[in-house]
Protein backbone atom coordinates (compact mmCIF):
# COMPACT_ATOMS: atom_id res chain seq x y z
CA UNK A 1 -76.87 12.36 -13.05
CA UNK A 2 -80.43 13.51 -13.74
CA UNK A 3 -79.78 12.96 -17.49
CA UNK A 4 -79.02 9.27 -16.86
CA UNK A 5 -82.16 8.87 -14.73
CA UNK A 6 -84.23 10.53 -17.44
CA UNK A 7 -82.75 8.21 -20.10
CA UNK A 8 -83.38 5.10 -17.95
CA UNK A 9 -86.95 6.18 -17.28
CA UNK A 10 -87.57 6.85 -20.98
CA UNK A 11 -86.12 3.46 -22.05
CA UNK A 12 -88.07 1.62 -19.35
CA UNK A 13 -91.28 3.31 -20.48
CA UNK A 14 -90.65 2.38 -24.12
CA UNK A 15 -89.91 -1.24 -23.15
CA UNK A 16 -93.10 -1.53 -21.11
CA UNK A 17 -95.15 -0.18 -24.02
CA UNK A 18 -93.99 -2.97 -26.36
CA UNK A 19 -93.80 -5.87 -23.88
CA UNK A 20 -97.48 -6.92 -23.98
CA UNK A 21 -97.50 -6.93 -27.79
CA UNK A 22 -94.64 -9.43 -28.05
CA UNK A 23 -96.57 -12.21 -26.33
CA UNK A 24 -99.73 -11.77 -28.38
CA UNK A 25 -100.59 -14.44 -30.95
CA UNK A 26 -103.44 -16.48 -32.31
CA UNK A 27 -103.87 -20.07 -33.40
CA UNK A 28 -105.42 -20.44 -36.82
CA UNK A 29 -108.85 -22.04 -36.53
CA UNK A 30 -108.29 -24.47 -39.41
CA UNK A 31 -105.39 -26.04 -37.51
CA UNK A 32 -107.78 -27.15 -34.78
CA UNK A 33 -110.24 -28.64 -37.28
CA UNK A 34 -107.86 -31.15 -38.87
CA UNK A 35 -107.67 -34.36 -36.88
CA UNK A 36 -104.85 -36.86 -37.48
CA UNK A 37 -105.71 -40.51 -37.94
CA UNK A 38 -104.91 -42.89 -35.11
CA UNK A 39 -102.10 -44.52 -37.09
CA UNK A 40 -100.55 -41.13 -37.94
CA UNK A 41 -100.60 -40.27 -34.24
CA UNK A 42 -98.94 -43.58 -33.28
CA UNK A 43 -96.29 -43.21 -36.01
CA UNK A 44 -95.40 -39.75 -34.73
CA UNK A 45 -95.32 -41.06 -31.17
CA UNK A 46 -93.04 -43.94 -32.27
CA UNK A 47 -90.66 -41.47 -33.93
CA UNK A 48 -90.49 -39.28 -30.84
CA UNK A 49 -89.98 -42.32 -28.58
CA UNK A 50 -87.16 -43.57 -30.83
CA UNK A 51 -85.40 -40.21 -30.72
CA UNK A 52 -85.89 -39.72 -26.98
CA UNK A 53 -84.64 -43.21 -26.09
CA UNK A 54 -81.57 -42.88 -28.34
CA UNK A 55 -80.52 -39.28 -27.78
CA UNK A 56 -76.87 -39.68 -28.75
CA UNK A 57 -76.99 -42.16 -31.61
CA UNK A 58 -80.34 -41.92 -33.41
CA UNK A 59 -80.52 -41.79 -37.19
CA UNK A 60 -82.95 -39.59 -39.07
CA UNK A 61 -86.15 -41.60 -39.51
CA UNK A 62 -89.41 -41.02 -41.27
CA UNK A 63 -92.53 -43.15 -40.84
CA UNK A 64 -95.51 -43.15 -43.20
CA UNK A 65 -98.48 -45.41 -43.73
CA UNK A 66 -99.35 -46.19 -47.36
CA UNK A 67 -103.07 -46.93 -47.29
CA UNK A 68 -103.60 -47.28 -51.03
CA UNK A 69 -100.19 -48.58 -52.15
CA UNK A 70 -99.45 -45.48 -54.20
CA UNK A 71 -95.71 -45.58 -53.41
CA UNK A 72 -95.41 -49.11 -54.83
CA UNK A 73 -97.42 -48.13 -57.91
CA UNK A 74 -95.20 -45.13 -58.56
CA UNK A 75 -92.09 -47.32 -58.12
CA UNK A 76 -93.54 -49.71 -60.75
CA UNK A 77 -93.97 -46.83 -63.18
CA UNK A 78 -90.33 -45.84 -62.73
CA UNK A 79 -91.05 -42.30 -61.56
CA UNK A 80 -88.75 -40.72 -59.01
CA UNK A 81 -90.71 -39.63 -55.94
CA UNK A 82 -87.77 -38.69 -53.78
CA UNK A 83 -87.38 -40.17 -50.32
CA UNK A 84 -90.03 -42.87 -50.77
CA UNK A 85 -88.26 -44.28 -53.83
CA UNK A 86 -88.30 -48.08 -53.89
CA UNK A 87 -87.29 -50.78 -56.38
CA UNK A 88 -89.88 -52.23 -58.77
CA UNK A 89 -91.99 -55.09 -57.46
CA UNK A 90 -92.38 -53.77 -53.91
CA UNK A 91 -96.01 -53.75 -52.79
CA UNK A 92 -96.62 -51.05 -50.20
CA UNK A 93 -100.42 -51.23 -49.87
CA UNK A 94 -101.36 -51.24 -46.19
CA UNK A 95 -97.74 -51.18 -45.04
CA UNK A 96 -95.73 -48.86 -42.85
CA UNK A 97 -92.92 -47.18 -44.78
CA UNK A 98 -89.77 -46.61 -42.75
CA UNK A 99 -87.09 -44.40 -44.24
CA UNK A 100 -83.73 -44.33 -42.43
CA UNK A 101 -81.23 -41.61 -43.30
CA UNK A 102 -77.65 -42.01 -42.12
CA UNK A 103 -76.41 -38.60 -41.04
CA UNK A 104 -73.73 -40.00 -38.71
CA UNK A 105 -71.70 -42.27 -41.01
CA UNK A 106 -73.03 -45.50 -39.49
CA UNK A 107 -73.40 -47.09 -42.94
CA UNK A 108 -70.09 -45.78 -44.31
CA UNK A 109 -67.06 -47.91 -45.20
CA UNK A 110 -68.73 -51.29 -44.64
CA UNK A 111 -68.67 -54.47 -46.68
CA UNK A 112 -71.94 -55.75 -48.13
CA UNK A 113 -72.44 -58.32 -45.37
CA UNK A 114 -71.61 -55.82 -42.62
CA UNK A 115 -73.93 -53.27 -44.20
CA UNK A 116 -76.86 -55.73 -44.26
CA UNK A 117 -76.13 -56.60 -40.61
CA UNK A 118 -76.14 -52.89 -39.74
CA UNK A 119 -79.50 -52.46 -41.53
CA UNK A 120 -80.92 -55.32 -39.42
CA UNK A 121 -79.55 -53.85 -36.20
CA UNK A 122 -80.99 -50.40 -36.91
CA UNK A 123 -84.39 -51.66 -38.09
CA UNK A 124 -84.74 -53.95 -35.06
CA UNK A 125 -84.09 -50.94 -32.84
CA UNK A 126 -86.67 -48.88 -34.73
CA UNK A 127 -89.25 -51.68 -34.79
CA UNK A 128 -89.18 -51.83 -30.98
CA UNK A 129 -91.11 -48.54 -31.18
CA UNK A 130 -93.48 -49.72 -33.94
CA UNK A 131 -94.56 -53.07 -32.52
CA UNK A 132 -97.64 -51.43 -30.98
CA UNK A 133 -98.88 -50.68 -34.50
CA UNK A 134 -97.38 -53.64 -36.35
CA UNK A 135 -97.89 -57.25 -35.35
CA UNK A 136 -95.32 -58.67 -37.77
CA UNK A 137 -92.31 -56.73 -38.99
CA UNK A 138 -91.80 -59.01 -42.01
CA UNK A 139 -95.27 -58.42 -43.46
CA UNK A 140 -96.15 -54.95 -42.17
CA UNK A 141 -93.00 -52.91 -42.79
CA UNK A 142 -91.14 -51.78 -45.89
CA UNK A 143 -87.93 -49.93 -45.06
CA UNK A 144 -85.37 -48.07 -47.14
CA UNK A 145 -81.89 -47.06 -46.00
CA UNK A 146 -80.16 -43.95 -47.29
CA UNK A 147 -76.77 -42.29 -46.93
CA UNK A 148 -77.20 -38.57 -46.36
CA UNK A 149 -74.44 -36.75 -48.20
CA UNK A 150 -76.05 -33.33 -48.24
CA UNK A 151 -79.44 -31.91 -47.45
CA UNK A 152 -80.74 -32.45 -50.99
CA UNK A 153 -78.60 -35.44 -51.98
CA UNK A 154 -79.47 -38.80 -50.48
CA UNK A 155 -78.01 -42.01 -51.86
CA UNK A 156 -80.12 -45.19 -51.60
CA UNK A 157 -78.17 -48.03 -49.96
CA UNK A 158 -80.67 -50.81 -49.36
CA UNK A 159 -84.17 -51.82 -48.42
CA UNK A 160 -86.15 -54.29 -46.31
CA UNK A 161 -89.11 -56.10 -47.86
CA UNK A 162 -90.97 -59.28 -46.86
CA UNK A 163 -88.48 -60.18 -44.14
CA UNK A 164 -85.36 -59.83 -46.28
CA UNK A 165 -82.69 -57.16 -46.46
CA UNK A 166 -81.41 -56.18 -49.90
CA UNK A 167 -78.71 -53.87 -51.17
CA UNK A 168 -79.88 -51.29 -53.66
CA UNK A 169 -79.44 -52.32 -57.26
CA UNK A 170 -77.77 -49.90 -59.61
């Protein structure tokens, strides 16, 4: 019996020695120095609001603001820049880029008309969270819709530009 008490006492003493160390941490100073822009803050807030208000059926979304139009310029050059890939002729300068990734099969097995209607439904739901930043969805937003097949393989399905929904051209 005294052996068990001795073992419990020893283990309790060892645990108490390491307990204060586990909660110790520091915040890197450079993280406090970087300040996000107001629009970046509002885009992050819009994303969180969208997810929180649609907890069971939200799609993966990404919001960016293209100040200089670099995404449109890269699309014109034909380079592949991954998720922000857009067709040629899309001007993104001063626009909010919305990327919607379907991880739930919402865009699967639909005709072209039904797919465009689904794009409109989803973007209208997303824009409800962006209207604080954007006064006009047709002129302020460029959206692309993607089917997520795997983590590194996304298939472009369509895009929204200047108030019109388009299917992706091959």
